[in-house]
Amino acid sequence: MDIKNTISRAAKQLRNNIIAGVFVILPVFITVFLIVKIFLWVDSSLPGILGMEWGTGLGILVLLAIAFFAGLIAKNYFGKKIIATGNAVINKIPIVNKVYPAVQQIIDAINMQNKKLFNRVVLVEFPKENSYSIAFVTAEENPVFSNKTGKKLIAVYMITAPNPTSGFLVYYPEEDVIDIDMPVDVAMKKIMSFGMLNDDPLIKAAFPGSQADITLDKASAFKQEAEVGKKLDPKI
């Protein structure tokens, strides 16, 4: 009986170690695989596109050089005008005008250096009461909607994982939105990991010190204040 239990524990330990090892190796393997595939594709495709021949490895250097000069052009006034004109032309080409904007939106969403895409990170009650979703404020106020409802409404966008280009645009009263001191890129990582990344390391990395602890308690404090308000005024 003891031998059977020992073998069972050893087999379970072996299985757990293998599973843990797979989860450690898999991200590295996928990353290396994608990099190698992209490198080989670029290195083999560019000579045919440019009508030139070169040795293995030179294609990626040519691509980096093209990207460098494209970046220089994009930073000046005339370069921006050229890019805007090119985008306008592409958007008029059938079929291409369906694919190109979608790809551009995905790149803009992934490239979190473009922080102006979202103003700030908030929590909102969604999809039902007492359940909260991470959302991004895209507009601080919509005068038309606010005048119609008599409340200051702000636009928030809730991203769906793992596709950052789809989600829900909802207008919430300003008082129903919970501000959280979390950078946009940190919130994006939280969403794209399906919530598996722990809050503490993410927030403490962005906000060292006691501010992180305050941030973690904001949602619960807001909920407690709302419950107290409902007890004082049942109409709320």
C-alpha atoms as a PDB file:
ATOM      1  CA  MET A   1       0.000   0.000   0.000  1.00  0.00           C
ATOM      2  CA  ASP A   2       2.835   2.382   0.933  1.00  0.00           C
ATOM      3  CA  ILE A   3       4.642   1.535  -2.295  1.00  0.00           C
ATOM      4  CA  LYS A   4       1.482   2.249  -4.286  1.00  0.00           C
ATOM      5  CA  ASN A   5       1.015   5.631  -2.547  1.00  0.00           C
ATOM      6  CA  THR A   6       4.675   6.487  -3.095  1.00  0.00           C
ATOM      7  CA  ILE A   7       4.430   5.670  -6.795  1.00  0.00           C
ATOM      8  CA  SER A   8       1.201   7.680  -7.065  1.00  0.00           C
ATOM      9  CA  ARG A   9       2.767  10.717  -5.371  1.00  0.00           C
ATOM     10  CA  ALA A  10       5.875  10.437  -7.551  1.00  0.00           C
ATOM     11  CA  ALA A  11       3.739  10.214 -10.698  1.00  0.00           C
ATOM     12  CA  LYS A  12       1.677  13.220  -9.610  1.00  0.00           C
ATOM     13  CA  GLN A  13       4.827  15.194  -8.824  1.00  0.00           C
ATOM     14  CA  LEU A  14       6.293  14.237 -12.205  1.00  0.00           C
ATOM     15  CA  ARG A  15       3.124  15.331 -13.994  1.00  0.00           C
ATOM     16  CA  ASN A  16       3.001  18.659 -12.125  1.00  0.00           C
ATOM     17  CA  ASN A  17       6.666  19.347 -12.899  1.00  0.00           C
ATOM     18  CA  ILE A  18       6.138  18.589 -16.597  1.00  0.00           C
ATOM     19  CA  ILE A  19       3.075  20.847 -16.775  1.00  0.00           C
ATOM     20  CA  ALA A  20       4.912  23.650 -14.960  1.00  0.00           C
ATOM     21  CA  GLY A  21       7.872  23.213 -17.290  1.00  0.00           C
ATOM     22  CA  VAL A  22       5.636  23.386 -20.368  1.00  0.00           C
ATOM     23  CA  PHE A  23       4.153  26.693 -19.205  1.00  0.00           C
ATOM     24  CA  VAL A  24       7.682  28.043 -18.646  1.00  0.00           C
ATOM     25  CA  ILE A  25       9.039  26.872 -21.999  1.00  0.00           C
ATOM     26  CA  LEU A  26       5.971  27.551 -24.165  1.00  0.00           C
ATOM     27  CA  PRO A  27       6.134  31.407 -24.165  1.00  0.00           C
ATOM     28  CA  VAL A  28       9.870  31.271 -24.972  1.00  0.00           C
ATOM     29  CA  PHE A  29       9.324  28.709 -27.717  1.00  0.00           C
ATOM     30  CA  ILE A  30       6.445  30.657 -29.301  1.00  0.00           C
ATOM     31  CA  THR A  31       8.424  33.920 -29.156  1.00  0.00           C
ATOM     32  CA  VAL A  32      11.534  32.393 -30.748  1.00  0.00           C
ATOM     33  CA  PHE A  33       9.407  30.553 -33.338  1.00  0.00           C
ATOM     34  CA  LEU A  34       7.601  33.732 -34.411  1.00  0.00           C
ATOM     35  CA  ILE A  35      10.815  35.773 -34.557  1.00  0.00           C
ATOM     36  CA  VAL A  36      12.552  33.121 -36.688  1.00  0.00           C
ATOM     37  CA  LYS A  37       9.507  32.810 -38.993  1.00  0.00           C
ATOM     38  CA  ILE A  38       9.270  36.592 -39.458  1.00  0.00           C
ATOM     39  CA  PHE A  39      13.029  36.832 -40.022  1.00  0.00           C
ATOM     40  CA  LEU A  40      12.996  34.092 -42.677  1.00  0.00           C
ATOM     41  CA  TRP A  41       9.926  35.547 -44.374  1.00  0.00           C
ATOM     42  CA  VAL A  42      11.413  39.043 -44.553  1.00  0.00           C
ATOM     43  CA  ASP A  43      14.800  37.744 -45.627  1.00  0.00           C
ATOM     44  CA  SER A  44      13.297  35.666 -48.456  1.00  0.00           C
ATOM     45  CA  SER A  45      10.591  38.114 -49.600  1.00  0.00           C
ATOM     46  CA  LEU A  46      12.480  41.417 -49.797  1.00  0.00           C
ATOM     47  CA  PRO A  47      14.909  40.377 -52.584  1.00  0.00           C
ATOM     48  CA  GLY A  48      11.972  39.474 -54.831  1.00  0.00           C
ATOM     49  CA  ILE A  49      10.099  42.701 -53.998  1.00  0.00           C
ATOM     50  CA  LEU A  50      13.136  44.917 -54.578  1.00  0.00           C
ATOM     51  CA  GLY A  51      14.460  42.884 -57.524  1.00  0.00           C
ATOM     52  CA  MET A  52      17.800  42.279 -55.842  1.00  0.00           C
ATOM     53  CA  GLU A  53      19.804  39.346 -54.548  1.00  0.00           C
ATOM     54  CA  TRP A  54      21.754  39.098 -51.318  1.00  0.00           C
ATOM     55  CA  GLY A  55      22.990  36.630 -48.764  1.00  0.00           C
ATOM     56  CA  THR A  56      21.004  35.258 -45.841  1.00  0.00           C
ATOM     57  CA  GLY A  57      20.542  37.784 -43.050  1.00  0.00           C
ATOM     58  CA  LEU A  58      20.896  40.932 -45.122  1.00  0.00           C
ATOM     59  CA  GLY A  59      17.144  41.231 -45.673  1.00  0.00           C
ATOM     60  CA  ILE A  60      16.410  42.034 -42.041  1.00  0.00           C
ATOM     61  CA  LEU A  61      19.099  44.736 -42.057  1.00  0.00           C
ATOM     62  CA  VAL A  62      17.533  46.289 -45.154  1.00  0.00           C
ATOM     63  CA  LEU A  63      14.118  46.207 -43.465  1.00  0.00           C
ATOM     64  CA  LEU A  64      15.515  47.919 -40.361  1.00  0.00           C
ATOM     65  CA  ALA A  65      17.115  50.581 -42.533  1.00  0.00           C
ATOM     66  CA  ILE A  66      13.798  51.173 -44.354  1.00  0.00           C
ATOM     67  CA  ALA A  67      11.985  51.398 -41.009  1.00  0.00           C
ATOM     68  CA  PHE A  68      14.575  53.895 -39.738  1.00  0.00           C
ATOM     69  CA  PHE A  69      14.176  56.234 -42.684  1.00  0.00           C
ATOM     70  CA  ALA A  70      10.377  55.843 -42.601  1.00  0.00           C
ATOM     71  CA  GLY A  71      10.488  56.932 -38.956  1.00  0.00           C
ATOM     72  CA  LEU A  72      12.556  59.991 -39.849  1.00  0.00           C
ATOM     73  CA  ILE A  73      10.077  60.950 -42.567  1.00  0.00           C
ATOM     74  CA  ALA A  74       7.074  60.420 -40.283  1.00  0.00           C
ATOM     75  CA  LYS A  75       8.427  62.858 -37.682  1.00  0.00           C
ATOM     76  CA  ASN A  76       8.507  65.947 -39.913  1.00  0.00           C
ATOM     77  CA  TYR A  77       5.641  68.020 -41.281  1.00  0.00           C
ATOM     78  CA  PHE A  78       5.979  67.063 -44.950  1.00  0.00           C
ATOM     79  CA  GLY A  79       6.389  63.394 -44.047  1.00  0.00           C
ATOM     80  CA  LYS A  80       3.125  63.458 -42.116  1.00  0.00           C
ATOM     81  CA  LYS A  81       1.395  65.039 -45.097  1.00  0.00           C
ATOM     82  CA  ILE A  82       2.765  62.332 -47.404  1.00  0.00           C
ATOM     83  CA  ILE A  83       1.612  59.579 -45.028  1.00  0.00           C
ATOM     84  CA  ALA A  84      -1.845  61.153 -44.691  1.00  0.00           C
ATOM     85  CA  THR A  85      -2.141  61.363 -48.483  1.00  0.00           C
ATOM     86  CA  GLY A  86      -1.018  57.744 -48.836  1.00  0.00           C
ATOM     87  CA  ASN A  87      -3.589  56.615 -46.250  1.00  0.00           C
ATOM     88  CA  ALA A  88      -6.314  58.522 -48.082  1.00  0.00           C
ATOM     89  CA  VAL A  89      -5.380  56.821 -51.360  1.00  0.00           C
ATOM     90  CA  ILE A  90      -5.280  53.364 -49.734  1.00  0.00           C
ATOM     91  CA  ASN A  91      -8.698  53.927 -48.134  1.00  0.00           C
ATOM     92  CA  LYS A  92     -10.189  54.417 -51.609  1.00  0.00           C
ATOM     93  CA  ILE A  93      -8.894  51.106 -52.984  1.00  0.00           C
ATOM     94  CA  PRO A  94     -11.555  48.336 -52.845  1.00  0.00           C
ATOM     95  CA  ILE A  95     -10.813  45.371 -50.546  1.00  0.00           C
ATOM     96  CA  VAL A  96      -7.563  46.994 -49.396  1.00  0.00           C
ATOM     97  CA  ASN A  97      -9.572  49.708 -47.633  1.00  0.00           C
ATOM     98  CA  LYS A  98     -11.160  46.954 -45.509  1.00  0.00           C
ATOM     99  CA  VAL A  99      -7.912  45.274 -44.473  1.00  0.00           C
ATOM    100  CA  TYR A 100      -5.511  48.202 -44.034  1.00  0.00           C
ATOM    101  CA  PRO A 101      -7.549  50.212 -41.457  1.00  0.00           C
ATOM    102  CA  ALA A 102      -8.108  47.050 -39.373  1.00  0.00           C
ATOM    103  CA  VAL A 103      -4.391  46.264 -39.326  1.00  0.00           C
ATOM    104  CA  GLN A 104      -3.615  49.878 -38.482  1.00  0.00           C
ATOM    105  CA  GLN A 105      -6.070  49.792 -35.554  1.00  0.00           C
ATOM    106  CA  ILE A 106      -4.507  46.615 -34.180  1.00  0.00           C
ATOM    107  CA  ILE A 107      -1.020  48.132 -34.344  1.00  0.00           C
ATOM    108  CA  ASP A 108      -2.241  51.336 -32.674  1.00  0.00           C
ATOM    109  CA  ALA A 109      -3.865  49.330 -29.890  1.00  0.00           C
ATOM    110  CA  ILE A 110      -0.767  47.194 -29.287  1.00  0.00           C
ATOM    111  CA  ASN A 111       1.619  50.136 -29.493  1.00  0.00           C
ATOM    112  CA  MET A 112       0.944  51.571 -26.060  1.00  0.00           C
ATOM    113  CA  GLN A 113       3.490  54.343 -26.599  1.00  0.00           C
ATOM    114  CA  ASN A 114       0.528  56.120 -28.160  1.00  0.00           C
ATOM    115  CA  LYS A 115      -0.923  56.967 -24.737  1.00  0.00           C
ATOM    116  CA  LYS A 116      -3.364  59.515 -26.196  1.00  0.00           C
ATOM    117  CA  LEU A 117      -5.461  56.622 -27.470  1.00  0.00           C
ATOM    118  CA  PHE A 118      -7.029  56.458 -23.987  1.00  0.00           C
ATOM    119  CA  ASN A 119      -7.169  59.232 -21.399  1.00  0.00           C
ATOM    120  CA  ARG A 120      -7.245  57.209 -18.184  1.00  0.00           C
ATOM    121  CA  VAL A 121      -8.119  53.840 -16.707  1.00  0.00           C
ATOM    122  CA  VAL A 122     -11.323  53.377 -14.707  1.00  0.00           C
ATOM    123  CA  LEU A 123     -13.586  50.702 -13.254  1.00  0.00           C
ATOM    124  CA  VAL A 124     -17.256  50.564 -14.235  1.00  0.00           C
ATOM    125  CA  GLU A 125     -20.120  48.294 -13.297  1.00  0.00           C
ATOM    126  CA  PHE A 126     -20.441  45.949 -16.257  1.00  0.00           C
ATOM    127  CA  PRO A 127     -22.110  43.732 -17.402  1.00  0.00           C
ATOM    128  CA  LYS A 128     -24.296  43.784 -14.264  1.00  0.00           C
ATOM    129  CA  GLU A 129     -24.509  45.384 -10.838  1.00  0.00           C
ATOM    130  CA  ASN A 130     -21.663  44.575  -8.412  1.00  0.00           C
ATOM    131  CA  SER A 131     -19.440  43.218 -11.196  1.00  0.00           C
ATOM    132  CA  TYR A 132     -16.687  45.528 -12.413  1.00  0.00           C
ATOM    133  CA  SER A 133     -14.806  45.827 -15.699  1.00  0.00           C
ATOM    134  CA  ILE A 134     -11.627  47.679 -16.560  1.00  0.00           C
ATOM    135  CA  ALA A 135     -12.400  50.462 -19.018  1.00  0.00           C
ATOM    136  CA  PHE A 136     -10.588  53.320 -20.730  1.00  0.00           C
ATOM    137  CA  VAL A 137     -11.937  56.862 -20.876  1.00  0.00           C
ATOM    138  CA  THR A 138     -11.958  57.996 -24.502  1.00  0.00           C
ATOM    139  CA  ALA A 139     -13.879  61.284 -24.090  1.00  0.00           C
ATOM    140  CA  GLU A 140     -14.371  63.297 -20.908  1.00  0.00           C
ATOM    141  CA  GLU A 141     -17.774  64.593 -21.980  1.00  0.00           C
ATOM    142  CA  ASN A 142     -20.281  64.511 -24.809  1.00  0.00           C
ATOM    143  CA  PRO A 143     -22.272  67.785 -24.685  1.00  0.00           C
ATOM    144  CA  VAL A 144     -25.142  66.450 -26.804  1.00  0.00           C
ATOM    145  CA  PHE A 145     -25.675  63.327 -24.696  1.00  0.00           C
ATOM    146  CA  SER A 146     -25.118  65.210 -21.449  1.00  0.00           C
ATOM    147  CA  ASN A 147     -27.707  67.871 -22.325  1.00  0.00           C
ATOM    148  CA  LYS A 148     -30.268  65.220 -23.295  1.00  0.00           C
ATOM    149  CA  THR A 149     -29.852  63.211 -20.087  1.00  0.00           C
ATOM    150  CA  GLY A 150     -29.168  66.050 -17.665  1.00  0.00           C
ATOM    151  CA  LYS A 151     -26.018  64.266 -16.478  1.00  0.00           C
ATOM    152  CA  LYS A 152     -22.361  64.636 -17.385  1.00  0.00           C
ATOM    153  CA  LEU A 153     -21.714  61.519 -19.448  1.00  0.00           C
ATOM    154  CA  ILE A 154     -18.209  60.321 -20.259  1.00  0.00           C
ATOM    155  CA  ALA A 155     -17.320  57.772 -22.917  1.00  0.00           C
ATOM    156  CA  VAL A 156     -15.577  54.614 -21.741  1.00  0.00           C
ATOM    157  CA  TYR A 157     -14.344  51.773 -23.897  1.00  0.00           C
ATOM    158  CA  MET A 158     -14.152  48.222 -22.562  1.00  0.00           C
ATOM    159  CA  ILE A 159     -11.714  46.082 -24.517  1.00  0.00           C
ATOM    160  CA  THR A 160     -12.419  42.410 -25.112  1.00  0.00           C
ATOM    161  CA  ALA A 161      -9.571  39.933 -24.726  1.00  0.00           C
ATOM    162  CA  PRO A 162      -7.635  38.735 -26.598  1.00  0.00           C
ATOM    163  CA  ASN A 163      -8.705  41.000 -29.491  1.00  0.00           C
ATOM    164  CA  PRO A 164      -7.921  44.616 -28.481  1.00  0.00           C
ATOM    165  CA  THR A 165      -9.761  46.060 -31.490  1.00  0.00           C
ATOM    166  CA  SER A 166     -13.208  44.926 -30.338  1.00  0.00           C
ATOM    167  CA  GLY A 167     -15.151  45.941 -27.263  1.00  0.00           C
ATOM    168  CA  PHE A 168     -18.021  48.009 -25.916  1.00  0.00           C
ATOM    169  CA  LEU A 169     -18.418  51.777 -26.018  1.00  0.00           C
ATOM    170  CA  VAL A 170     -20.658  52.882 -23.146  1.00  0.00           C
ATOM    171  CA  TYR A 171     -21.527  56.342 -21.796  1.00  0.00           C
ATOM    172  CA  TYR A 172     -21.568  56.456 -17.997  1.00  0.00           C
ATOM    173  CA  PRO A 173     -22.490  59.273 -15.615  1.00  0.00           C
ATOM    174  CA  GLU A 174     -19.265  60.686 -14.212  1.00  0.00           C
ATOM    175  CA  GLU A 175     -20.228  59.758 -10.644  1.00  0.00           C
ATOM    176  CA  ASP A 176     -20.596  56.079 -11.619  1.00  0.00           C
ATOM    177  CA  VAL A 177     -17.014  55.802 -12.870  1.00  0.00           C
ATOM    178  CA  ILE A 178     -14.283  54.709 -10.445  1.00  0.00           C
ATOM    179  CA  ASP A 179     -10.869  56.222 -11.133  1.00  0.00           C
ATOM    180  CA  ILE A 180      -7.908  53.900 -10.534  1.00  0.00           C
ATOM    181  CA  ASP A 181      -4.283  54.994 -10.534  1.00  0.00           C
ATOM    182  CA  MET A 182      -3.127  52.536 -13.168  1.00  0.00           C
ATOM    183  CA  PRO A 183      -1.208  53.350 -16.374  1.00  0.00           C
ATOM    184  CA  VAL A 184      -2.865  52.421 -19.662  1.00  0.00           C
ATOM    185  CA  ASP A 185      -0.195  49.855 -20.590  1.00  0.00           C
ATOM    186  CA  VAL A 186      -0.516  48.110 -17.215  1.00  0.00           C
ATOM    187  CA  ALA A 187      -4.300  47.882 -17.592  1.00  0.00           C
ATOM    188  CA  MET A 188      -3.870  46.546 -21.123  1.00  0.00           C
ATOM    189  CA  LYS A 189      -1.539  43.804 -19.857  1.00  0.00           C
ATOM    190  CA  LYS A 190      -4.088  42.943 -17.201  1.00  0.00           C
ATOM    191  CA  ILE A 191      -6.829  42.552 -19.821  1.00  0.00           C
ATOM    192  CA  MET A 192      -4.735  40.684 -22.379  1.00  0.00           C
ATOM    193  CA  SER A 193      -3.655  38.157 -19.716  1.00  0.00           C
ATOM    194  CA  PHE A 194      -7.340  37.413 -18.995  1.00  0.00           C
ATOM    195  CA  GLY A 195      -6.821  38.786 -15.481  1.00  0.00           C
ATOM    196  CA  MET A 196      -4.236  36.137 -14.628  1.00  0.00           C
ATOM    197  CA  LEU A 197      -1.559  38.718 -13.847  1.00  0.00           C
ATOM    198  CA  ASN A 198      -1.689  39.649 -10.168  1.00  0.00           C
ATOM    199  CA  ASP A 199      -2.617  43.247  -9.354  1.00  0.00           C
ATOM    200  CA  ASP A 200       0.038  43.787  -6.702  1.00  0.00           C
ATOM    201  CA  PRO A 201       3.186  43.441  -8.877  1.00  0.00           C
ATOM    202  CA  LEU A 202       1.589  45.417 -11.714  1.00  0.00           C
ATOM    203  CA  ILE A 203       0.474  48.361  -9.610  1.00  0.00           C
ATOM    204  CA  LYS A 204       3.515  48.415  -7.308  1.00  0.00           C
ATOM    205  CA  ALA A 205       5.809  48.396 -10.342  1.00  0.00           C
ATOM    206  CA  ALA A 206       4.006  51.443 -11.706  1.00  0.00           C
ATOM    207  CA  PHE A 207       3.501  53.188  -8.352  1.00  0.00           C
ATOM    208  CA  PRO A 208       6.144  52.264  -5.750  1.00  0.00           C
ATOM    209  CA  GLY A 209       5.245  52.863  -2.122  1.00  0.00           C
ATOM    210  CA  SER A 210       2.010  53.282  -0.250  1.00  0.00           C
ATOM    211  CA  GLN A 211       0.110  54.611  -3.289  1.00  0.00           C
ATOM    212  CA  ALA A 212      -0.201  51.047  -4.581  1.00  0.00           C
ATOM    213  CA  ASP A 213      -1.987  49.910  -1.434  1.00  0.00           C
ATOM    214  CA  ILE A 214      -4.378  52.868  -1.674  1.00  0.00           C
ATOM    215  CA  THR A 215      -5.120  52.019  -5.302  1.00  0.00           C
ATOM    216  CA  LEU A 216      -6.061  48.430  -4.493  1.00  0.00           C
ATOM    217  CA  ASP A 217      -8.689  49.564  -1.970  1.00  0.00           C
ATOM    218  CA  LYS A 218     -10.391  52.217  -4.084  1.00  0.00           C
ATOM    219  CA  ALA A 219     -13.038  49.981  -5.653  1.00  0.00           C
ATOM    220  CA  SER A 220     -14.095  48.441  -2.335  1.00  0.00           C
ATOM    221  CA  ALA A 221     -14.175  51.858  -0.645  1.00  0.00           C
ATOM    222  CA  PHE A 222     -16.353  53.240  -3.437  1.00  0.00           C
ATOM    223  CA  LYS A 223     -18.763  50.333  -3.056  1.00  0.00           C
ATOM    224  CA  GLN A 224     -18.999  50.859   0.730  1.00  0.00           C
ATOM    225  CA  GLU A 225     -19.754  54.561   0.240  1.00  0.00           C
ATOM    226  CA  ALA A 226     -22.509  53.684  -2.248  1.00  0.00           C
ATOM    227  CA  GLU A 227     -24.076  51.206   0.187  1.00  0.00           C
ATOM    228  CA  VAL A 228     -24.041  53.805   2.991  1.00  0.00           C
ATOM    229  CA  GLY A 229     -25.706  56.319   0.637  1.00  0.00           C
ATOM    230  CA  LYS A 230     -28.440  53.840  -0.204  1.00  0.00           C
ATOM    231  CA  LYS A 231     -29.176  53.269   3.483  1.00  0.00           C
ATOM    232  CA  LEU A 232     -29.423  57.017   4.128  1.00  0.00           C
ATOM    233  CA  ASP A 233     -31.550  57.631   1.056  1.00  0.00           C
ATOM    234  CA  PRO A 234     -33.470  54.581  -0.259  1.00  0.00           C
ATOM    235  CA  LYS A 235     -34.206  56.452  -3.511  1.00  0.00           C
ATOM    236  CA  ILE A 236     -30.543  56.303  -4.581  1.00  0.00           C
END
